[in-house]
């Protein structure tokens, strides 16, 4: 994959997953409102895991761009 395409793909994936993390938070709120606190906690945990993954991918993108752009 060309260097520029790698950065573009990583950026797209970061933004795409940010929207999923927001969806997870919305789901967690809906679950909590429905009284499903255990399920809400799992959805919140999933959002946190995804946010951690996004952060790692952002750092990978920064390292890649610093070394290969």
Protein backbone atom coordinates (compact mmCIF):
# COMPACT_ATOMS: atom_id res chain seq x y z
CA UNK A 1 0.00 0.00 0.00
CA UNK A 2 1.35 3.43 -0.85
CA UNK A 3 2.53 5.49 2.11
CA UNK A 4 -0.14 8.18 1.69
CA UNK A 5 -2.87 5.55 1.39
CA UNK A 6 -1.79 4.01 4.69
CA UNK A 7 -2.17 7.34 6.51
CA UNK A 8 -5.50 8.02 4.83
CA UNK A 9 -6.80 4.56 5.72
CA UNK A 10 -5.69 4.91 9.34
CA UNK A 11 -7.34 8.34 9.58
CA UNK A 12 -10.56 6.96 8.10
CA UNK A 13 -10.51 4.03 10.53
CA UNK A 14 -9.92 6.33 13.51
CA UNK A 15 -12.90 8.53 12.62
CA UNK A 16 -15.07 5.54 11.79
CA UNK A 17 -14.39 3.96 15.17
CA UNK A 18 -14.90 7.24 17.03
CA UNK A 19 -18.48 7.12 15.79
CA UNK A 20 -18.83 3.54 17.01
CA UNK A 21 -17.54 4.54 20.45
CA UNK A 22 -20.20 7.27 20.56
CA UNK A 23 -22.80 4.66 19.61
CA UNK A 24 -21.64 2.42 22.45
CA UNK A 25 -22.11 5.30 24.91
CA UNK A 26 -25.62 5.92 23.56
CA UNK A 27 -26.42 2.23 23.91
CA UNK A 28 -25.08 2.27 27.48
CA UNK A 29 -27.29 5.25 28.33
CA UNK A 30 -30.33 3.52 26.85
CA UNK A 31 -29.53 0.36 28.79
CA UNK A 32 -29.10 2.31 32.01
CA UNK A 33 -32.40 4.14 31.40
CA UNK A 34 -34.04 0.72 30.92
CA UNK A 35 -32.67 -0.41 34.28
CA UNK A 36 -30.15 -2.82 32.75
CA UNK A 37 -27.18 -1.55 34.75
CA UNK A 38 -25.00 -4.64 34.28
CA UNK A 39 -25.46 -4.49 30.51
CA UNK A 40 -24.83 -0.73 30.56
CA UNK A 41 -21.54 -1.27 32.38
CA UNK A 42 -20.44 -3.73 29.70
CA UNK A 43 -21.38 -1.30 26.92
CA UNK A 44 -19.44 1.46 28.71
CA UNK A 45 -16.48 -0.87 29.05
CA UNK A 46 -16.67 -1.68 25.34
CA UNK A 47 -16.66 2.06 24.58
CA UNK A 48 -13.57 2.52 26.76
CA UNK A 49 -11.83 -0.41 25.06
CA UNK A 50 -12.59 1.08 21.66
CA UNK A 51 -11.39 4.52 22.77
CA UNK A 52 -8.14 2.88 23.93
CA UNK A 53 -7.78 1.17 20.55
CA UNK A 54 -8.43 4.47 18.76
CA UNK A 55 -5.74 6.14 20.85
CA UNK A 56 -3.26 3.39 19.98
CA UNK A 57 -4.05 3.64 16.28
CA UNK A 58 -3.63 7.43 16.44
CA UNK A 59 -0.20 6.96 18.03
CA UNK A 60 0.70 4.37 15.37
CA UNK A 61 -0.32 6.85 12.67
CA UNK A 62 1.82 9.57 14.24
CA UNK A 63 4.84 7.26 14.47
CA UNK A 64 4.35 6.08 10.91
CA UNK A 65 4.05 9.62 9.57
CA UNK A 66 7.07 10.80 11.56
CA UNK A 67 9.23 8.00 10.14
CA UNK A 68 7.87 7.37 6.66
CA UNK A 69 6.31 10.55 5.36
